[in-house]
C-alpha cells in the first residue's frame, strides 16, 4: 500500500453483513477524507449486490469507472480499477480477490494500491497469507 494520510483500517464482518459494511464504510471514508472519490473494490461475485446496496443508499452518487462531477462513489472489480486512483478505497473480501486470480497476487495488489489517502478492508474470511497493509 502507498503512504496515505490515514492508517489503513481492517474490519472483520459477518459474510451476510459485507454489503452493509461496504455502504457504511463509504460513509466513514467520506467522513475521514472530506470531499473526494471513494472506490469500492469487490470480487466479481459480489460486485452487483455491492453496487445495488450502494445505489440504494447513495442513489445517483454511485457510478462506474472514474466517476463524474456528480458521482463521488464508484464500485468495481480490481481489474476495472487497474490504472485508476481514488482518494479512498473500501476493499471487500481480499481473500476472494486472490482466489478469483487463481492465487496470483496481481488483483489484490491492484486493489491495495489504488488509494491515495485512505484504505478500509472488509473481510469475513481469513486474510490472505502474508497480508499486511
N, C-alpha and C. Protein backbone atom coordinates (compact mmCIF):
# COMPACT_ATOMS: atom_id res chain seq x y z
N UNK A 1 0.83 -1.18 0.00
CA UNK A 1 0.00 0.00 0.00
C UNK A 1 0.88 1.24 0.00
N UNK A 2 0.39 2.30 -0.63
CA UNK A 2 1.10 3.57 -0.63
C UNK A 2 0.99 4.24 0.73
N UNK A 3 1.86 5.18 0.95
CA UNK A 3 1.72 6.02 2.12
C UNK A 3 0.49 6.89 1.91
N UNK A 4 -0.39 6.94 2.89
CA UNK A 4 -1.58 7.78 2.78
C UNK A 4 -1.66 8.71 3.97
N UNK A 5 -2.73 9.46 4.02
CA UNK A 5 -2.92 10.39 5.12
C UNK A 5 -3.40 9.70 6.39
N UNK A 6 -3.95 8.50 6.24
CA UNK A 6 -4.56 7.80 7.36
C UNK A 6 -4.03 6.36 7.42
N UNK A 7 -4.02 5.81 8.63
CA UNK A 7 -3.67 4.40 8.79
C UNK A 7 -4.77 3.55 8.18
N UNK A 8 -4.41 2.45 7.53
CA UNK A 8 -5.44 1.55 6.98
C UNK A 8 -6.29 0.96 8.11
N UNK A 9 -7.51 0.64 7.77
CA UNK A 9 -8.43 0.01 8.71
C UNK A 9 -8.80 -1.36 8.16
N UNK A 10 -8.72 -2.37 9.01
CA UNK A 10 -9.17 -3.71 8.64
C UNK A 10 -10.34 -4.05 9.55
N UNK A 11 -11.49 -4.33 8.94
CA UNK A 11 -12.69 -4.67 9.71
C UNK A 11 -13.08 -6.10 9.43
N UNK A 12 -13.32 -6.85 10.48
CA UNK A 12 -13.88 -8.20 10.37
C UNK A 12 -15.39 -8.08 10.43
N UNK A 13 -16.07 -8.66 9.44
CA UNK A 13 -17.53 -8.60 9.40
C UNK A 13 -18.08 -9.97 9.04
N UNK A 14 -19.33 -10.22 9.43
CA UNK A 14 -20.00 -11.45 9.01
C UNK A 14 -20.23 -11.40 7.50
N UNK A 15 -20.20 -12.55 6.87
CA UNK A 15 -20.39 -12.62 5.41
C UNK A 15 -21.70 -11.98 4.99
N UNK A 16 -22.75 -12.15 5.80
CA UNK A 16 -24.06 -11.58 5.47
C UNK A 16 -24.07 -10.06 5.61
N UNK A 17 -23.07 -9.50 6.25
CA UNK A 17 -23.02 -8.06 6.50
C UNK A 17 -22.05 -7.32 5.57
N UNK A 18 -21.44 -8.02 4.62
CA UNK A 18 -20.43 -7.38 3.77
C UNK A 18 -20.98 -6.17 3.01
N UNK A 19 -22.16 -6.32 2.42
CA UNK A 19 -22.72 -5.22 1.62
C UNK A 19 -23.03 -4.03 2.53
N UNK A 20 -23.67 -4.30 3.65
CA UNK A 20 -23.97 -3.23 4.61
C UNK A 20 -22.67 -2.58 5.09
N UNK A 21 -21.66 -3.37 5.35
CA UNK A 21 -20.37 -2.83 5.80
C UNK A 21 -19.73 -1.96 4.71
N UNK A 22 -19.91 -2.35 3.45
CA UNK A 22 -19.38 -1.52 2.36
C UNK A 22 -20.11 -0.18 2.31
N UNK A 23 -21.42 -0.20 2.47
CA UNK A 23 -22.21 1.04 2.45
C UNK A 23 -21.79 1.95 3.60
N UNK A 24 -21.69 1.41 4.81
CA UNK A 24 -21.29 2.24 5.94
C UNK A 24 -19.81 2.61 5.86
N UNK A 25 -19.01 1.74 5.24
CA UNK A 25 -17.60 2.05 5.05
C UNK A 25 -17.40 3.25 4.14
N UNK A 26 -18.22 3.38 3.12
CA UNK A 26 -18.15 4.54 2.23
C UNK A 26 -18.44 5.82 3.02
N UNK A 27 -19.48 5.78 3.85
CA UNK A 27 -19.80 6.96 4.66
C UNK A 27 -18.64 7.30 5.59
N UNK A 28 -18.04 6.30 6.20
CA UNK A 28 -16.92 6.53 7.11
C UNK A 28 -15.72 7.10 6.35
N UNK A 29 -15.49 6.63 5.15
CA UNK A 29 -14.37 7.15 4.35
C UNK A 29 -14.62 8.59 3.94
N UNK A 30 -15.85 8.92 3.56
CA UNK A 30 -16.13 10.32 3.23
C UNK A 30 -15.95 11.22 4.45
N UNK A 31 -16.30 10.71 5.62
CA UNK A 31 -16.07 11.47 6.84
C UNK A 31 -14.58 11.67 7.08
N UNK A 32 -13.81 10.64 6.81
CA UNK A 32 -12.36 10.68 7.02
C UNK A 32 -11.66 11.64 6.07
N UNK A 33 -12.00 11.55 4.79
CA UNK A 33 -11.24 12.30 3.79
C UNK A 33 -11.89 13.62 3.40
N UNK A 34 -13.12 13.82 3.82
CA UNK A 34 -13.84 15.02 3.36
C UNK A 34 -14.33 14.76 1.94
N UNK A 35 -14.14 15.71 1.06
CA UNK A 35 -14.54 15.52 -0.33
C UNK A 35 -13.55 14.62 -1.04
N UNK A 36 -14.05 13.87 -1.99
CA UNK A 36 -13.16 13.02 -2.78
C UNK A 36 -13.90 11.82 -3.32
N UNK A 37 -13.20 11.08 -4.13
CA UNK A 37 -13.76 9.90 -4.79
C UNK A 37 -13.44 8.65 -3.99
N UNK A 38 -14.49 7.91 -3.63
CA UNK A 38 -14.33 6.65 -2.88
C UNK A 38 -14.68 5.50 -3.81
N UNK A 39 -13.76 4.56 -3.94
CA UNK A 39 -14.00 3.36 -4.74
C UNK A 39 -14.25 2.18 -3.82
N UNK A 40 -15.24 1.39 -4.17
CA UNK A 40 -15.46 0.12 -3.50
C UNK A 40 -15.01 -0.95 -4.49
N UNK A 41 -13.98 -1.68 -4.11
CA UNK A 41 -13.44 -2.73 -4.97
C UNK A 41 -13.86 -4.06 -4.37
N UNK A 42 -14.57 -4.84 -5.18
CA UNK A 42 -15.16 -6.09 -4.71
C UNK A 42 -14.88 -7.21 -5.69
N UNK A 43 -14.88 -8.46 -5.21
CA UNK A 43 -14.77 -9.60 -6.11
C UNK A 43 -15.95 -9.61 -7.09
N UNK A 44 -15.76 -10.17 -8.25
CA UNK A 44 -16.80 -10.20 -9.29
C UNK A 44 -18.11 -10.77 -8.76
N UNK A 45 -18.04 -11.81 -7.92
CA UNK A 45 -19.24 -12.45 -7.40
C UNK A 45 -20.08 -11.49 -6.55
N UNK A 46 -19.44 -10.54 -5.91
CA UNK A 46 -20.14 -9.62 -5.01
C UNK A 46 -20.39 -8.25 -5.63
N UNK A 47 -19.89 -8.02 -6.82
CA UNK A 47 -19.93 -6.67 -7.38
C UNK A 47 -21.35 -6.16 -7.58
N UNK A 48 -22.22 -6.92 -8.20
CA UNK A 48 -23.56 -6.41 -8.49
C UNK A 48 -24.35 -6.14 -7.22
N UNK A 49 -24.28 -7.04 -6.24
CA UNK A 49 -25.01 -6.80 -4.99
C UNK A 49 -24.40 -5.63 -4.22
N UNK A 50 -23.10 -5.46 -4.31
CA UNK A 50 -22.45 -4.31 -3.68
C UNK A 50 -22.92 -3.02 -4.34
N UNK A 51 -22.91 -3.00 -5.66
CA UNK A 51 -23.34 -1.81 -6.40
C UNK A 51 -24.80 -1.49 -6.07
N UNK A 52 -25.66 -2.51 -6.03
CA UNK A 52 -27.08 -2.29 -5.70
C UNK A 52 -27.24 -1.71 -4.30
N UNK A 53 -26.47 -2.23 -3.33
CA UNK A 53 -26.53 -1.69 -1.97
C UNK A 53 -26.09 -0.24 -1.91
N UNK A 54 -25.05 0.09 -2.65
CA UNK A 54 -24.57 1.47 -2.69
C UNK A 54 -25.59 2.39 -3.35
N UNK A 55 -26.18 1.95 -4.45
CA UNK A 55 -27.18 2.77 -5.13
C UNK A 55 -28.40 2.98 -4.24
N UNK A 56 -28.78 1.94 -3.51
CA UNK A 56 -29.91 2.05 -2.59
C UNK A 56 -29.64 3.11 -1.52
N UNK A 57 -28.41 3.19 -1.06
CA UNK A 57 -28.06 4.15 -0.02
C UNK A 57 -27.71 5.53 -0.56
N UNK A 58 -27.03 5.59 -1.71
CA UNK A 58 -26.47 6.85 -2.18
C UNK A 58 -27.02 7.32 -3.53
N UNK A 59 -27.88 6.54 -4.15
CA UNK A 59 -28.53 6.96 -5.39
C UNK A 59 -27.57 7.27 -6.52
N UNK A 60 -27.81 8.41 -7.16
CA UNK A 60 -27.05 8.78 -8.35
C UNK A 60 -25.60 9.19 -8.06
N UNK A 61 -25.23 9.23 -6.80
CA UNK A 61 -23.83 9.50 -6.46
C UNK A 61 -22.93 8.33 -6.84
N UNK A 62 -23.53 7.15 -7.11
CA UNK A 62 -22.76 5.95 -7.41
C UNK A 62 -22.59 5.81 -8.92
N UNK A 63 -21.33 5.64 -9.34
CA UNK A 63 -21.03 5.49 -10.75
C UNK A 63 -20.10 4.32 -11.01
N UNK A 64 -19.55 4.33 -12.18
CA UNK A 64 -18.58 3.32 -12.60
C UNK A 64 -17.32 4.02 -13.06
N UNK A 65 -16.25 3.27 -13.22
CA UNK A 65 -15.01 3.85 -13.72
C UNK A 65 -14.49 4.94 -12.81
N UNK A 66 -14.16 6.07 -13.40
CA UNK A 66 -13.58 7.18 -12.65
C UNK A 66 -14.62 8.12 -12.06
N UNK A 67 -15.91 7.77 -12.15
CA UNK A 67 -16.96 8.62 -11.61
C UNK A 67 -17.18 9.83 -12.49
N UNK A 68 -17.81 10.85 -11.93
CA UNK A 68 -18.07 12.09 -12.66
C UNK A 68 -18.22 13.22 -11.64
N UNK A 69 -18.58 14.38 -12.12
CA UNK A 69 -18.74 15.53 -11.21
C UNK A 69 -19.81 15.26 -10.15
N UNK A 70 -20.81 14.46 -10.48
CA UNK A 70 -21.88 14.18 -9.52
C UNK A 70 -21.77 12.80 -8.89
N UNK A 71 -20.77 12.05 -9.29
CA UNK A 71 -20.60 10.69 -8.77
C UNK A 71 -19.29 10.60 -8.01
N UNK A 72 -19.39 10.58 -6.68
CA UNK A 72 -18.19 10.52 -5.85
C UNK A 72 -17.98 9.14 -5.22
N UNK A 73 -18.75 8.16 -5.71
CA UNK A 73 -18.63 6.77 -5.25
C UNK A 73 -18.65 5.89 -6.49
N UNK A 74 -17.70 4.97 -6.59
CA UNK A 74 -17.71 4.02 -7.69
C UNK A 74 -17.53 2.61 -7.13
N UNK A 75 -18.12 1.64 -7.81
CA UNK A 75 -17.98 0.24 -7.42
C UNK A 75 -17.44 -0.53 -8.62
N UNK A 76 -16.42 -1.36 -8.39
CA UNK A 76 -15.77 -2.05 -9.49
C UNK A 76 -14.96 -3.24 -9.00
N UNK A 77 -14.53 -4.04 -9.96
CA UNK A 77 -13.61 -5.14 -9.66
C UNK A 77 -12.19 -4.57 -9.64
N UNK A 78 -11.25 -5.36 -9.15
CA UNK A 78 -9.85 -4.94 -9.15
C UNK A 78 -9.36 -4.75 -10.58
N UNK A 79 -9.80 -5.60 -11.48
CA UNK A 79 -9.40 -5.49 -12.88
C UNK A 79 -9.84 -4.15 -13.47
N UNK A 80 -11.06 -3.73 -13.14
CA UNK A 80 -11.56 -2.44 -13.63
C UNK A 80 -10.83 -1.26 -12.99
N UNK A 81 -10.30 -1.46 -11.80
CA UNK A 81 -9.61 -0.38 -11.08
C UNK A 81 -8.17 -0.19 -11.55
N UNK A 82 -7.66 -1.15 -12.29
CA UNK A 82 -6.26 -1.09 -12.71
C UNK A 82 -5.98 0.22 -13.44
N UNK A 83 -4.95 0.93 -13.01
CA UNK A 83 -4.54 2.18 -13.63
C UNK A 83 -5.25 3.42 -13.10
N UNK A 84 -6.27 3.24 -12.26
CA UNK A 84 -7.01 4.36 -11.71
C UNK A 84 -6.54 4.67 -10.29
N UNK A 85 -6.81 5.88 -9.81
CA UNK A 85 -6.51 6.27 -8.44
C UNK A 85 -7.76 6.86 -7.82
N UNK A 86 -7.89 6.66 -6.51
CA UNK A 86 -9.05 7.15 -5.76
C UNK A 86 -8.56 7.75 -4.45
N UNK A 87 -9.32 8.69 -3.93
CA UNK A 87 -8.94 9.27 -2.64
C UNK A 87 -9.02 8.23 -1.54
N UNK A 88 -10.03 7.37 -1.60
CA UNK A 88 -10.19 6.30 -0.61
C UNK A 88 -10.69 5.05 -1.31
N UNK A 89 -10.31 3.91 -0.75
CA UNK A 89 -10.77 2.61 -1.26
C UNK A 89 -11.36 1.81 -0.10
N UNK A 90 -12.51 1.21 -0.38
CA UNK A 90 -13.09 0.22 0.51
C UNK A 90 -12.94 -1.10 -0.23
N UNK A 91 -12.09 -1.97 0.28
CA UNK A 91 -11.80 -3.26 -0.35
C UNK A 91 -12.62 -4.34 0.34
N UNK A 92 -13.43 -5.04 -0.44
CA UNK A 92 -14.32 -6.07 0.08
C UNK A 92 -13.72 -7.45 -0.18
N UNK A 93 -13.56 -8.24 0.86
CA UNK A 93 -13.18 -9.65 0.83
C UNK A 93 -11.90 -9.93 0.01
N UNK A 94 -10.74 -9.50 0.54
CA UNK A 94 -9.48 -9.68 -0.19
C UNK A 94 -9.14 -11.14 -0.51
N UNK A 95 -9.50 -12.08 0.35
CA UNK A 95 -9.19 -13.50 0.08
C UNK A 95 -9.88 -13.96 -1.20
N UNK A 96 -11.07 -13.47 -1.44
CA UNK A 96 -11.80 -13.87 -2.65
C UNK A 96 -11.18 -13.26 -3.90
N UNK A 97 -10.64 -12.06 -3.78
CA UNK A 97 -9.92 -11.47 -4.92
C UNK A 97 -8.75 -12.35 -5.32
N UNK A 98 -8.04 -12.84 -4.33
CA UNK A 98 -6.90 -13.71 -4.58
C UNK A 98 -7.35 -15.03 -5.22
N UNK A 99 -8.45 -15.57 -4.76
CA UNK A 99 -8.98 -16.81 -5.35
C UNK A 99 -9.42 -16.60 -6.79
N UNK A 100 -10.07 -15.48 -7.06
CA UNK A 100 -10.50 -15.18 -8.44
C UNK A 100 -9.33 -15.18 -9.40
N UNK A 101 -8.18 -14.75 -8.90
CA UNK A 101 -6.97 -14.67 -9.72
C UNK A 101 -6.17 -15.96 -9.65
N UNK A 102 -6.79 -17.02 -9.13
CA UNK A 102 -6.15 -18.34 -9.02
C UNK A 102 -4.82 -18.26 -8.26
N UNK A 103 -4.83 -17.45 -7.20
CA UNK A 103 -3.67 -17.36 -6.33
C UNK A 103 -2.62 -16.35 -6.78
N UNK A 104 -2.81 -15.75 -7.95
CA UNK A 104 -1.86 -14.73 -8.40
C UNK A 104 -2.18 -13.44 -7.64
N UNK A 105 -1.17 -12.78 -7.19
CA UNK A 105 -1.31 -11.63 -6.30
C UNK A 105 -1.75 -10.35 -7.01
N UNK A 106 -1.71 -10.32 -8.33
CA UNK A 106 -1.95 -9.10 -9.10
C UNK A 106 -3.20 -8.33 -8.74
N UNK A 107 -4.35 -8.97 -8.71
CA UNK A 107 -5.60 -8.27 -8.43
C UNK A 107 -5.61 -7.69 -7.02
N UNK A 108 -5.11 -8.44 -6.08
CA UNK A 108 -5.05 -7.96 -4.71
C UNK A 108 -4.10 -6.77 -4.61
N UNK A 109 -2.97 -6.87 -5.28
CA UNK A 109 -2.00 -5.76 -5.31
C UNK A 109 -2.66 -4.51 -5.89
N UNK A 110 -3.34 -4.66 -7.02
CA UNK A 110 -4.01 -3.52 -7.64
C UNK A 110 -5.00 -2.89 -6.65
N UNK A 111 -5.83 -3.70 -6.02
CA UNK A 111 -6.84 -3.19 -5.10
C UNK A 111 -6.20 -2.44 -3.93
N UNK A 112 -5.11 -2.95 -3.42
CA UNK A 112 -4.46 -2.34 -2.26
C UNK A 112 -3.71 -1.06 -2.59
N UNK A 113 -3.43 -0.83 -3.86
CA UNK A 113 -2.59 0.33 -4.22
C UNK A 113 -3.34 1.40 -4.99
N UNK A 114 -4.65 1.38 -5.03
CA UNK A 114 -5.43 2.39 -5.77
C UNK A 114 -5.70 3.64 -4.94
N UNK A 115 -5.61 3.55 -3.63
CA UNK A 115 -5.96 4.68 -2.76
C UNK A 115 -4.78 5.63 -2.60
N UNK A 116 -5.08 6.93 -2.65
CA UNK A 116 -4.04 7.92 -2.41
C UNK A 116 -4.06 8.46 -0.98
N UNK A 117 -5.17 8.24 -0.23
CA UNK A 117 -5.27 8.78 1.12
C UNK A 117 -5.69 7.76 2.18
N UNK A 118 -6.65 6.90 1.86
CA UNK A 118 -7.24 6.06 2.90
C UNK A 118 -7.67 4.70 2.33
N UNK A 119 -7.46 3.66 3.13
CA UNK A 119 -7.84 2.29 2.74
C UNK A 119 -8.59 1.64 3.90
N UNK A 120 -9.72 1.03 3.56
CA UNK A 120 -10.53 0.27 4.53
C UNK A 120 -10.74 -1.12 3.92
N UNK A 121 -10.38 -2.16 4.66
CA UNK A 121 -10.51 -3.54 4.19
C UNK A 121 -11.61 -4.22 5.00
N UNK A 122 -12.56 -4.83 4.29
CA UNK A 122 -13.67 -5.55 4.91
C UNK A 122 -13.50 -7.04 4.62
N UNK A 123 -13.40 -7.85 5.65
CA UNK A 123 -13.15 -9.28 5.45
C UNK A 123 -14.02 -10.12 6.37
N UNK A 124 -14.73 -11.06 5.78
CA UNK A 124 -15.46 -12.03 6.59
C UNK A 124 -14.64 -13.32 6.71
N UNK A 125 -13.71 -13.49 5.81
CA UNK A 125 -12.85 -14.68 5.79
C UNK A 125 -11.47 -14.31 6.31
N UNK A 126 -10.64 -15.33 6.45
CA UNK A 126 -9.27 -15.09 6.85
C UNK A 126 -8.58 -14.25 5.79
N UNK A 127 -7.69 -13.38 6.22
CA UNK A 127 -6.92 -12.58 5.28
C UNK A 127 -5.90 -13.48 4.59
N UNK A 128 -5.53 -13.16 3.37
CA UNK A 128 -4.53 -13.98 2.67
C UNK A 128 -3.21 -14.04 3.43
N UNK A 129 -2.50 -15.14 3.27
CA UNK A 129 -1.21 -15.30 3.93
C UNK A 129 -0.28 -14.14 3.53
N UNK A 130 0.42 -13.61 4.51
CA UNK A 130 1.35 -12.52 4.27
C UNK A 130 0.67 -11.18 4.07
N UNK A 131 -0.63 -11.12 4.29
CA UNK A 131 -1.36 -9.87 4.09
C UNK A 131 -0.94 -8.85 5.11
N UNK A 132 -0.58 -7.70 4.62
CA UNK A 132 -0.30 -6.58 5.51
C UNK A 132 -0.58 -5.31 4.75
N UNK A 133 -1.00 -4.32 5.47
CA UNK A 133 -1.27 -3.03 4.85
C UNK A 133 -0.42 -1.97 5.50
